[in-house]
Amino acid sequence: TDEAEGSFTPDRAGVYTLAVDVQAKDGTRVTAQTEVVVSDPFELTAVSAPSAALVGEEVPFAAVAEGDLDGARYNYVWSRNGSWAAGEWGSTVQSTGSMTDEAE
């Protein structure tokens, strides 16, 4: 093509290499490239929760995130002693069948 610019729309985060080949009328070809870092529209930086609780006491926890979270969905996951055995873990998806739009 004789277009002096191109574009693409990334569908996931990552480091993309962009390259352009330019060929002159006499057949001389030159290639240049650069990298672009594509990020998700938000960043999840931590989980906020109390450091201790009592048996039978509800333990609230929340995502600590920033960026474009409009329409974001959350799956809150818990596990006891790091176990993924039946009865030792649960999640929003496991208990309700879907993620939630609640930020905490």
PDB file of N, CA and C in Angstrom:
ATOM      1  N   THR A   1       0.836  -1.189   0.000  1.00  0.00           N
ATOM      2  CA  THR A   1       0.000   0.000   0.000  1.00  0.00           C
ATOM      3  C   THR A   1       0.877   1.247   0.000  1.00  0.00           C
ATOM      4  N   ASP A   2       0.320   2.339  -0.411  1.00  0.00           N
ATOM      5  CA  ASP A   2       1.080   3.587  -0.409  1.00  0.00           C
ATOM      6  C   ASP A   2       0.676   4.492   0.756  1.00  0.00           C
ATOM      7  N   GLU A   3      -0.031   3.917   1.730  1.00  0.00           N
ATOM      8  CA  GLU A   3      -0.405   4.678   2.921  1.00  0.00           C
ATOM      9  C   GLU A   3       0.819   4.913   3.792  1.00  0.00           C
ATOM     10  N   ALA A   4       0.944   6.131   4.337  1.00  0.00           N
ATOM     11  CA  ALA A   4       2.092   6.465   5.173  1.00  0.00           C
ATOM     12  C   ALA A   4       1.878   6.096   6.634  1.00  0.00           C
ATOM     13  N   GLU A   5       0.706   5.566   6.970  1.00  0.00           N
ATOM     14  CA  GLU A   5       0.491   5.117   8.334  1.00  0.00           C
ATOM     15  C   GLU A   5      -0.482   3.949   8.352  1.00  0.00           C
ATOM     16  N   GLY A   6      -0.372   3.153   9.390  1.00  0.00           N
ATOM     17  CA  GLY A   6      -1.261   2.020   9.572  1.00  0.00           C
ATOM     18  C   GLY A   6      -1.715   1.996  11.016  1.00  0.00           C
ATOM     19  N   SER A   7      -2.529   1.032  11.376  1.00  0.00           N
ATOM     20  CA  SER A   7      -2.980   0.918  12.759  1.00  0.00           C
ATOM     21  C   SER A   7      -3.429  -0.510  13.028  1.00  0.00           C
ATOM     22  N   PHE A   8      -3.547  -0.826  14.294  1.00  0.00           N
ATOM     23  CA  PHE A   8      -4.123  -2.099  14.708  1.00  0.00           C
ATOM     24  C   PHE A   8      -4.796  -1.865  16.053  1.00  0.00           C
ATOM     25  N   THR A   9      -5.702  -2.738  16.425  1.00  0.00           N
ATOM     26  CA  THR A   9      -6.407  -2.627  17.695  1.00  0.00           C
ATOM     27  C   THR A   9      -6.103  -3.868  18.515  1.00  0.00           C
ATOM     28  N   PRO A  10      -5.243  -3.750  19.540  1.00  0.00           N
ATOM     29  CA  PRO A  10      -4.901  -4.917  20.353  1.00  0.00           C
ATOM     30  C   PRO A  10      -6.113  -5.379  21.163  1.00  0.00           C
ATOM     31  N   ASP A  11      -6.255  -6.704  21.323  1.00  0.00           N
ATOM     32  CA  ASP A  11      -7.376  -7.233  22.080  1.00  0.00           C
ATOM     33  C   ASP A  11      -6.980  -7.746  23.457  1.00  0.00           C
ATOM     34  N   ARG A  12      -5.690  -7.592  23.798  1.00  0.00           N
ATOM     35  CA  ARG A  12      -5.226  -7.953  25.137  1.00  0.00           C
ATOM     36  C   ARG A  12      -3.923  -7.242  25.440  1.00  0.00           C
ATOM     37  N   ALA A  13      -3.614  -7.165  26.734  1.00  0.00           N
ATOM     38  CA  ALA A  13      -2.406  -6.462  27.174  1.00  0.00           C
ATOM     39  C   ALA A  13      -1.161  -7.239  26.781  1.00  0.00           C
ATOM     40  N   GLY A  14      -0.056  -6.524  26.628  1.00  0.00           N
ATOM     41  CA  GLY A  14       1.222  -7.148  26.310  1.00  0.00           C
ATOM     42  C   GLY A  14       2.161  -6.152  25.665  1.00  0.00           C
ATOM     43  N   VAL A  15       3.342  -6.622  25.325  1.00  0.00           N
ATOM     44  CA  VAL A  15       4.321  -5.795  24.623  1.00  0.00           C
ATOM     45  C   VAL A  15       4.265  -6.181  23.153  1.00  0.00           C
ATOM     46  N   TYR A  16       3.925  -5.242  22.323  1.00  0.00           N
ATOM     47  CA  TYR A  16       3.781  -5.489  20.893  1.00  0.00           C
ATOM     48  C   TYR A  16       4.941  -4.866  20.140  1.00  0.00           C
ATOM     49  N   THR A  17       5.466  -5.577  19.172  1.00  0.00           N
ATOM     50  CA  THR A  17       6.484  -5.046  18.274  1.00  0.00           C
ATOM     51  C   THR A  17       5.779  -4.553  17.027  1.00  0.00           C
ATOM     52  N   LEU A  18       6.028  -3.297  16.680  1.00  0.00           N
ATOM     53  CA  LEU A  18       5.454  -2.700  15.478  1.00  0.00           C
ATOM     54  C   LEU A  18       6.582  -2.479  14.483  1.00  0.00           C
ATOM     55  N   ALA A  19       6.394  -2.909  13.270  1.00  0.00           N
ATOM     56  CA  ALA A  19       7.428  -2.777  12.246  1.00  0.00           C
ATOM     57  C   ALA A  19       6.834  -2.204  10.972  1.00  0.00           C
ATOM     58  N   VAL A  20       7.648  -1.484  10.254  1.00  0.00           N
ATOM     59  CA  VAL A  20       7.239  -0.943   8.961  1.00  0.00           C
ATOM     60  C   VAL A  20       8.348  -1.235   7.958  1.00  0.00           C
ATOM     61  N   ASP A  21       7.970  -1.818   6.831  1.00  0.00           N
ATOM     62  CA  ASP A  21       8.881  -1.993   5.697  1.00  0.00           C
ATOM     63  C   ASP A  21       8.551  -0.887   4.700  1.00  0.00           C
ATOM     64  N   VAL A  22       9.563  -0.178   4.259  1.00  0.00           N
ATOM     65  CA  VAL A  22       9.369   0.850   3.234  1.00  0.00           C
ATOM     66  C   VAL A  22      10.206   0.459   2.023  1.00  0.00           C
ATOM     67  N   GLN A  23       9.564   0.404   0.881  1.00  0.00           N
ATOM     68  CA  GLN A  23      10.266   0.060  -0.351  1.00  0.00           C
ATOM     69  C   GLN A  23      10.151   1.224  -1.329  1.00  0.00           C
ATOM     70  N   ALA A  24      11.306   1.710  -1.778  1.00  0.00           N
ATOM     71  CA  ALA A  24      11.350   2.809  -2.742  1.00  0.00           C
ATOM     72  C   ALA A  24      11.052   2.277  -4.144  1.00  0.00           C
ATOM     73  N   LYS A  25      10.816   3.186  -5.077  1.00  0.00           N
ATOM     74  CA  LYS A  25      10.522   2.802  -6.458  1.00  0.00           C
ATOM     75  C   LYS A  25      11.629   1.973  -7.088  1.00  0.00           C
ATOM     76  N   ASP A  26      12.886   2.229  -6.638  1.00  0.00           N
ATOM     77  CA  ASP A  26      14.005   1.480  -7.214  1.00  0.00           C
ATOM     78  C   ASP A  26      14.182   0.099  -6.578  1.00  0.00           C
ATOM     79  N   GLY A  27      13.280  -0.273  -5.633  1.00  0.00           N
ATOM     80  CA  GLY A  27      13.340  -1.593  -5.004  1.00  0.00           C
ATOM     81  C   GLY A  27      14.078  -1.616  -3.682  1.00  0.00           C
ATOM     82  N   THR A  28      14.731  -0.525  -3.314  1.00  0.00           N
ATOM     83  CA  THR A  28      15.427  -0.469  -2.027  1.00  0.00           C
ATOM     84  C   THR A  28      14.407  -0.609  -0.901  1.00  0.00           C
ATOM     85  N   ARG A  29      14.703  -1.503   0.034  1.00  0.00           N
ATOM     86  CA  ARG A  29      13.786  -1.735   1.143  1.00  0.00           C
ATOM     87  C   ARG A  29      14.497  -1.468   2.467  1.00  0.00           C
ATOM     88  N   VAL A  30      13.813  -0.762   3.361  1.00  0.00           N
ATOM     89  CA  VAL A  30      14.322  -0.469   4.700  1.00  0.00           C
ATOM     90  C   VAL A  30      13.222  -0.830   5.692  1.00  0.00           C
ATOM     91  N   THR A  31      13.618  -1.416   6.824  1.00  0.00           N
ATOM     92  CA  THR A  31      12.666  -1.794   7.869  1.00  0.00           C
ATOM     93  C   THR A  31      13.046  -1.106   9.168  1.00  0.00           C
ATOM     94  N   ALA A  32      12.061  -0.612   9.886  1.00  0.00           N
ATOM     95  CA  ALA A  32      12.269  -0.047  11.217  1.00  0.00           C
ATOM     96  C   ALA A  32      11.199  -0.626  12.133  1.00  0.00           C
ATOM     97  N   GLN A  33      11.505  -0.692  13.422  1.00  0.00           N
ATOM     98  CA  GLN A  33      10.524  -1.226  14.359  1.00  0.00           C
ATOM     99  C   GLN A  33      10.623  -0.531  15.701  1.00  0.00           C
ATOM    100  N   THR A  34       9.568  -0.641  16.466  1.00  0.00           N
ATOM    101  CA  THR A  34       9.515  -0.107  17.818  1.00  0.00           C
ATOM    102  C   THR A  34       8.594  -1.000  18.632  1.00  0.00           C
ATOM    103  N   GLU A  35       8.559  -0.804  19.932  1.00  0.00           N
ATOM    104  CA  GLU A  35       7.674  -1.570  20.789  1.00  0.00           C
ATOM    105  C   GLU A  35       6.675  -0.631  21.442  1.00  0.00           C
ATOM    106  N   VAL A  36       5.495  -1.149  21.679  1.00  0.00           N
ATOM    107  CA  VAL A  36       4.479  -0.403  22.418  1.00  0.00           C
ATOM    108  C   VAL A  36       3.938  -1.330  23.505  1.00  0.00           C
ATOM    109  N   VAL A  37       3.812  -0.792  24.710  1.00  0.00           N
ATOM    110  CA  VAL A  37       3.263  -1.547  25.832  1.00  0.00           C
ATOM    111  C   VAL A  37       1.772  -1.248  25.901  1.00  0.00           C
ATOM    112  N   VAL A  38       0.976  -2.288  25.774  1.00  0.00           N
ATOM    113  CA  VAL A  38      -0.477  -2.148  25.839  1.00  0.00           C
ATOM    114  C   VAL A  38      -0.918  -2.661  27.203  1.00  0.00           C
ATOM    115  N   SER A  39      -1.607  -1.807  27.948  1.00  0.00           N
ATOM    116  CA  SER A  39      -2.046  -2.143  29.304  1.00  0.00           C
ATOM    117  C   SER A  39      -3.554  -2.319  29.351  1.00  0.00           C
ATOM    118  N   ASP A  40      -4.004  -3.021  30.367  1.00  0.00           N
ATOM    119  CA  ASP A  40      -5.434  -3.095  30.618  1.00  0.00           C
ATOM    120  C   ASP A  40      -5.907  -1.704  31.027  1.00  0.00           C
ATOM    121  N   PRO A  41      -7.203  -1.418  30.886  1.00  0.00           N
ATOM    122  CA  PRO A  41      -7.693  -0.079  31.203  1.00  0.00           C
ATOM    123  C   PRO A  41      -7.724   0.219  32.698  1.00  0.00           C
ATOM    124  N   PHE A  42      -7.376  -0.764  33.517  1.00  0.00           N
ATOM    125  CA  PHE A  42      -7.327  -0.557  34.961  1.00  0.00           C
ATOM    126  C   PHE A  42      -6.183  -1.371  35.533  1.00  0.00           C
ATOM    127  N   GLU A  43      -5.843  -1.072  36.778  1.00  0.00           N
ATOM    128  CA  GLU A  43      -4.786  -1.822  37.455  1.00  0.00           C
ATOM    129  C   GLU A  43      -5.304  -2.266  38.812  1.00  0.00           C
ATOM    130  N   LEU A  44      -5.212  -3.557  39.093  1.00  0.00           N
ATOM    131  CA  LEU A  44      -5.556  -4.101  40.401  1.00  0.00           C
ATOM    132  C   LEU A  44      -4.275  -4.135  41.207  1.00  0.00           C
ATOM    133  N   THR A  45      -4.223  -3.333  42.280  1.00  0.00           N
ATOM    134  CA  THR A  45      -2.970  -3.199  43.014  1.00  0.00           C
ATOM    135  C   THR A  45      -2.926  -3.975  44.318  1.00  0.00           C
ATOM    136  N   ALA A  46      -4.089  -4.279  44.886  1.00  0.00           N
ATOM    137  CA  ALA A  46      -4.095  -4.970  46.175  1.00  0.00           C
ATOM    138  C   ALA A  46      -5.502  -5.439  46.511  1.00  0.00           C
ATOM    139  N   VAL A  47      -5.587  -6.159  47.624  1.00  0.00           N
ATOM    140  CA  VAL A  47      -6.872  -6.541  48.206  1.00  0.00           C
ATOM    141  C   VAL A  47      -6.904  -5.951  49.607  1.00  0.00           C
ATOM    142  N   SER A  48      -7.976  -5.256  49.918  1.00  0.00           N
ATOM    143  CA  SER A  48      -8.145  -4.650  51.234  1.00  0.00           C
ATOM    144  C   SER A  48      -8.995  -5.571  52.093  1.00  0.00           C
ATOM    145  N   ALA A  49      -8.494  -5.939  53.293  1.00  0.00           N
ATOM    146  CA  ALA A  49      -9.224  -6.818  54.205  1.00  0.00           C
ATOM    147  C   ALA A  49      -8.666  -6.632  55.610  1.00  0.00           C
ATOM    148  N   PRO A  50      -9.455  -6.940  56.629  1.00  0.00           N
ATOM    149  CA  PRO A  50      -8.932  -6.883  57.995  1.00  0.00           C
ATOM    150  C   PRO A  50      -7.878  -7.967  58.193  1.00  0.00           C
ATOM    151  N   SER A  51      -6.994  -7.774  59.150  1.00  0.00           N
ATOM    152  CA  SER A  51      -5.922  -8.759  59.365  1.00  0.00           C
ATOM    153  C   SER A  51      -6.351  -9.913  60.261  1.00  0.00           C
ATOM    154  N   ALA A  52      -7.493  -9.791  60.948  1.00  0.00           N
ATOM    155  CA  ALA A  52      -7.971 -10.864  61.825  1.00  0.00           C
ATOM    156  C   ALA A  52      -9.485 -10.834  61.880  1.00  0.00           C
ATOM    157  N   ALA A  53     -10.078 -11.994  62.201  1.00  0.00           N
ATOM    158  CA  ALA A  53     -11.532 -12.107  62.331  1.00  0.00           C
ATOM    159  C   ALA A  53     -11.846 -13.263  63.267  1.00  0.00           C
ATOM    160  N   LEU A  54     -13.108 -13.358  63.672  1.00  0.00           N
ATOM    161  CA  LEU A  54     -13.568 -14.442  64.529  1.00  0.00           C
ATOM    162  C   LEU A  54     -14.402 -15.432  63.721  1.00  0.00           C
ATOM    163  N   VAL A  55     -14.415 -16.703  64.147  1.00  0.00           N
ATOM    164  CA  VAL A  55     -15.255 -17.709  63.513  1.00  0.00           C
ATOM    165  C   VAL A  55     -16.700 -17.216  63.546  1.00  0.00           C
ATOM    166  N   GLY A  56     -17.391 -17.319  62.438  1.00  0.00           N
ATOM    167  CA  GLY A  56     -18.774 -16.892  62.345  1.00  0.00           C
ATOM    168  C   GLY A  56     -18.952 -15.406  62.042  1.00  0.00           C
ATOM    169  N   GLU A  57     -17.868 -14.667  61.995  1.00  0.00           N
ATOM    170  CA  GLU A  57     -17.918 -13.235  61.719  1.00  0.00           C
ATOM    171  C   GLU A  57     -17.710 -12.994  60.221  1.00  0.00           C
ATOM    172  N   GLU A  58     -18.544 -12.144  59.631  1.00  0.00           N
ATOM    173  CA  GLU A  58     -18.369 -11.804  58.218  1.00  0.00           C
ATOM    174  C   GLU A  58     -17.066 -11.042  58.034  1.00  0.00           C
ATOM    175  N   VAL A  59     -16.310 -11.412  57.006  1.00  0.00           N
ATOM    176  CA  VAL A  59     -15.041 -10.757  56.708  1.00  0.00           C
ATOM    177  C   VAL A  59     -15.168 -10.042  55.366  1.00  0.00           C
ATOM    178  N   PRO A  60     -15.258  -8.712  55.390  1.00  0.00           N
ATOM    179  CA  PRO A  60     -15.353  -7.976  54.132  1.00  0.00           C
ATOM    180  C   PRO A  60     -13.983  -7.863  53.467  1.00  0.00           C
ATOM    181  N   PHE A  61     -13.959  -7.918  52.150  1.00  0.00           N
ATOM    182  CA  PHE A  61     -12.720  -7.612  51.436  1.00  0.00           C
ATOM    183  C   PHE A  61     -13.061  -6.944  50.126  1.00  0.00           C
ATOM    184  N   ALA A  62     -12.117  -6.153  49.625  1.00  0.00           N
ATOM    185  CA  ALA A  62     -12.393  -5.328  48.457  1.00  0.00           C
ATOM    186  C   ALA A  62     -11.170  -5.242  47.555  1.00  0.00           C
ATOM    187  N   ALA A  63     -11.451  -4.999  46.284  1.00  0.00           N
ATOM    188  CA  ALA A  63     -10.384  -4.762  45.313  1.00  0.00           C
ATOM    189  C   ALA A  63      -9.866  -3.343  45.498  1.00  0.00           C
ATOM    190  N   VAL A  64      -8.562  -3.193  45.459  1.00  0.00           N
ATOM    191  CA  VAL A  64      -7.950  -1.865  45.419  1.00  0.00           C
ATOM    192  C   VAL A  64      -7.455  -1.709  43.990  1.00  0.00           C
ATOM    193  N   ALA A  65      -8.190  -0.907  43.229  1.00  0.00           N
ATOM    194  CA  ALA A  65      -7.907  -0.785  41.807  1.00  0.00           C
ATOM    195  C   ALA A  65      -8.095   0.656  41.373  1.00  0.00           C
ATOM    196  N   GLU A  66      -7.465   0.995  40.255  1.00  0.00           N
ATOM    197  CA  GLU A  66      -7.622   2.331  39.702  1.00  0.00           C
ATOM    198  C   GLU A  66      -7.654   2.250  38.192  1.00  0.00           C
ATOM    199  N   GLY A  67      -8.218   3.268  37.591  1.00  0.00           N
ATOM    200  CA  GLY A  67      -8.345   3.296  36.145  1.00  0.00           C
ATOM    201  C   GLY A  67      -9.813   3.239  35.756  1.00  0.00           C
ATOM    202  N   ASP A  68     -10.081   2.819  34.547  1.00  0.00           N
ATOM    203  CA  ASP A  68     -11.432   2.757  34.022  1.00  0.00           C
ATOM    204  C   ASP A  68     -12.114   1.480  34.509  1.00  0.00           C
ATOM    205  N   LEU A  69     -12.870   1.594  35.591  1.00  0.00           N
ATOM    206  CA  LEU A  69     -13.560   0.443  36.168  1.00  0.00           C
ATOM    207  C   LEU A  69     -15.062   0.483  35.895  1.00  0.00           C
ATOM    208  N   ASP A  70     -15.488   1.381  35.013  1.00  0.00           N
ATOM    209  CA  ASP A  70     -16.888   1.473  34.652  1.00  0.00           C
ATOM    210  C   ASP A  70     -17.326   0.151  34.017  1.00  0.00           C
ATOM    211  N   GLY A  71     -18.293  -0.505  34.617  1.00  0.00           N
ATOM    212  CA  GLY A  71     -18.781  -1.785  34.101  1.00  0.00           C
ATOM    213  C   GLY A  71     -17.943  -2.982  34.495  1.00  0.00           C
ATOM    214  N   ALA A  72     -16.951  -2.781  35.378  1.00  0.00           N
ATOM    215  CA  ALA A  72     -16.092  -3.894  35.801  1.00  0.00           C
ATOM    216  C   ALA A  72     -16.904  -4.922  36.578  1.00  0.00           C
ATOM    217  N   ARG A  73     -16.491  -6.172  36.501  1.00  0.00           N
ATOM    218  CA  ARG A  73     -17.118  -7.265  37.232  1.00  0.00           C
ATOM    219  C   ARG A  73     -16.051  -7.911  38.107  1.00  0.00           C
ATOM    220  N   TYR A  74     -16.435  -8.424  39.257  1.00  0.00           N
ATOM    221  CA  TYR A  74     -15.499  -8.945  40.244  1.00  0.00           C
ATOM    222  C   TYR A  74     -15.849 -10.377  40.621  1.00  0.00           C
ATOM    223  N   ASN A  75     -14.831 -11.188  40.864  1.00  0.00           N
ATOM    224  CA  ASN A  75     -14.989 -12.519  41.426  1.00  0.00           C
ATOM    225  C   ASN A  75     -14.139 -12.551  42.685  1.00  0.00           C
ATOM    226  N   TYR A  76     -14.796 -12.531  43.849  1.00  0.00           N
ATOM    227  CA  TYR A  76     -14.087 -12.573  45.125  1.00  0.00           C
ATOM    228  C   TYR A  76     -13.883 -14.028  45.511  1.00  0.00           C
ATOM    229  N   VAL A  77     -12.644 -14.403  45.780  1.00  0.00           N
ATOM    230  CA  VAL A  77     -12.273 -15.797  46.044  1.00  0.00           C
ATOM    231  C   VAL A  77     -11.646 -15.906  47.428  1.00  0.00           C
ATOM    232  N   TRP A  78     -12.020 -16.928  48.186  1.00  0.00           N
ATOM    233  CA  TRP A  78     -11.389 -17.201  49.471  1.00  0.00           C
ATOM    234  C   TRP A  78     -10.949 -18.665  49.498  1.00  0.00           C
ATOM    235  N   SER A  79      -9.884 -18.943  50.251  1.00  0.00           N
ATOM    236  CA  SER A  79      -9.489 -20.331  50.487  1.00  0.00           C
ATOM    237  C   SER A  79      -8.954 -20.445  51.905  1.00  0.00           C
ATOM    238  N   ARG A  80      -9.184 -21.582  52.528  1.00  0.00           N
ATOM    239  CA  ARG A  80      -8.748 -21.825  53.907  1.00  0.00           C
ATOM    240  C   ARG A  80      -7.403 -22.543  53.886  1.00  0.00           C
ATOM    241  N   ASN A  81      -6.416 -21.962  54.541  1.00  0.00           N
ATOM    242  CA  ASN A  81      -5.058 -22.518  54.637  1.00  0.00           C
ATOM    243  C   ASN A  81      -4.460 -22.826  53.273  1.00  0.00           C
ATOM    244  N   GLY A  82      -4.829 -22.052  52.262  1.00  0.00           N
ATOM    245  CA  GLY A  82      -4.266 -22.223  50.924  1.00  0.00           C
ATOM    246  C   GLY A  82      -4.756 -23.457  50.189  1.00  0.00           C
ATOM    247  N   SER A  83      -5.797 -24.106  50.697  1.00  0.00           N
ATOM    248  CA  SER A  83      -6.286 -25.341  50.087  1.00  0.00           C
ATOM    249  C   SER A  83      -7.354 -25.057  49.039  1.00  0.00           C
ATOM    250  N   TRP A  84      -7.317 -25.816  47.960  1.00  0.00           N
ATOM    251  CA  TRP A  84      -8.336 -25.721  46.912  1.00  0.00           C
ATOM    252  C   TRP A  84      -9.203 -26.978  46.888  1.00  0.00           C
ATOM    253  N   ALA A  85      -9.176 -27.754  47.987  1.00  0.00           N
ATOM    254  CA  ALA A  85     -10.015 -28.952  48.104  1.00  0.00           C
ATOM    255  C   ALA A  85     -11.475 -28.531  48.299  1.00  0.00           C
ATOM    256  N   ALA A  86     -12.385 -29.413  47.950  1.00  0.00           N
ATOM    257  CA  ALA A  86     -13.814 -29.143  48.107  1.00  0.00           C
ATOM    258  C   ALA A  86     -14.116 -28.724  49.542  1.00  0.00           C
ATOM    259  N   GLY A  87     -14.889 -27.678  49.697  1.00  0.00           N
ATOM    260  CA  GLY A  87     -15.255 -27.180  51.022  1.00  0.00           C
ATOM    261  C   GLY A  87     -14.228 -26.266  51.661  1.00  0.00           C
ATOM    262  N   GLU A  88     -13.064 -26.172  51.063  1.00  0.00           N
ATOM    263  CA  GLU A  88     -11.993 -25.355  51.623  1.00  0.00           C
ATOM    264  C   GLU A  88     -11.843 -24.015  50.911  1.00  0.00           C
ATOM    265  N   TRP A  89     -12.648 -23.780  49.882  1.00  0.00           N
ATOM    266  CA  TRP A  89     -12.567 -22.517  49.165  1.00  0.00           C
ATOM    267  C   TRP A  89     -13.940 -22.174  48.604  1.00  0.00           C
ATOM    268  N   GLY A  90     -14.084 -20.930  48.208  1.00  0.00           N
ATOM    269  CA  GLY A  90     -15.327 -20.485  47.604  1.00  0.00           C
ATOM    270  C   GLY A  90     -15.076 -19.205  46.830  1.00  0.00           C
ATOM    271  N   SER A  91     -16.062 -18.776  46.080  1.00  0.00           N
ATOM    272  CA  SER A  91     -15.920 -17.545  45.312  1.00  0.00           C
ATOM    273  C   SER A  91     -17.296 -17.007  44.955  1.00  0.00           C
ATOM    274  N   THR A  92     -17.335 -15.779  44.512  1.00  0.00           N
ATOM    275  CA  THR A  92     -18.575 -15.179  44.043  1.00  0.00           C
ATOM    276  C   THR A  92     -19.165 -16.033  42.933  1.00  0.00           C
ATOM    277  N   VAL A  93     -18.344 -16.426  41.974  1.00  0.00           N
ATOM    278  CA  VAL A  93     -18.830 -17.233  40.848  1.00  0.00           C
ATOM    279  C   VAL A  93     -19.321 -18.589  41.335  1.00  0.00           C
ATOM    280  N   GLN A  94     -18.583 -19.205  42.245  1.00  0.00           N
ATOM    281  CA  GLN A  94     -18.983 -20.519  42.746  1.00  0.00           C
ATOM    282  C   GLN A  94     -20.330 -20.443  43.471  1.00  0.00           C
ATOM    283  N   SER A  95     -20.547 -19.397  44.268  1.00  0.00           N
ATOM    284  CA  SER A  95     -21.774 -19.334  45.060  1.00  0.00           C
ATOM    285  C   SER A  95     -22.972 -18.774  44.300  1.00  0.00           C
ATOM    286  N   THR A  96     -22.741 -17.908  43.313  1.00  0.00           N
ATOM    287  CA  THR A  96     -23.871 -17.275  42.620  1.00  0.00           C
ATOM    288  C   THR A  96     -23.956 -17.645  41.148  1.00  0.00           C
ATOM    289  N   GLY A  97     -22.881 -18.196  40.606  1.00  0.00           N
ATOM    290  CA  GLY A  97     -22.868 -18.545  39.183  1.00  0.00           C
ATOM    291  C   GLY A  97     -22.389 -17.433  38.282  1.00  0.00           C
ATOM    292  N   SER A  98     -22.114 -16.266  38.847  1.00  0.00           N
ATOM    293  CA  SER A  98     -21.611 -15.170  38.024  1.00  0.00           C
ATOM    294  C   SER A  98     -20.788 -14.207  38.849  1.00  0.00           C
ATOM    295  N   MET A  99     -20.080 -13.362  38.152  1.00  0.00           N
ATOM    296  CA  MET A  99     -19.305 -12.328  38.831  1.00  0.00           C
ATOM    297  C   MET A  99     -20.263 -11.235  39.297  1.00  0.00           C
ATOM    298  N   THR A 100     -19.788 -10.361  40.155  1.00  0.00           N
ATOM    299  CA  THR A 100     -20.610  -9.283  40.672  1.00  0.00           C
ATOM    300  C   THR A 100     -20.074  -7.929  40.234  1.00  0.00           C
ATOM    301  N   ASP A 101     -20.937  -6.942  40.222  1.00  0.00           N
ATOM    302  CA  ASP A 101     -20.461  -5.594  39.912  1.00  0.00           C
ATOM    303  C   ASP A 101     -20.178  -4.805  41.185  1.00  0.00           C
ATOM    304  N   GLU A 102     -20.277  -5.478  42.358  1.00  0.00           N
ATOM    305  CA  GLU A 102     -19.966  -4.835  43.627  1.00  0.00           C
ATOM    306  C   GLU A 102     -18.456  -4.671  43.758  1.00  0.00           C
ATOM    307  N   ALA A 103     -18.022  -3.457  44.091  1.00  0.00           N
ATOM    308  CA  ALA A 103     -16.587  -3.185  44.214  1.00  0.00           C
ATOM    309  C   ALA A 103     -16.002  -3.693  45.512  1.00  0.00           C
ATOM    310  N   GLU A 104     -16.847  -4.167  46.430  1.00  0.00           N
ATOM    311  CA  GLU A 104     -16.353  -4.774  47.668  1.00  0.00           C
ATOM    312  C   GLU A 104     -17.350  -5.753  48.199  1.00  0.00           C
TER     313      GLU A 104
END
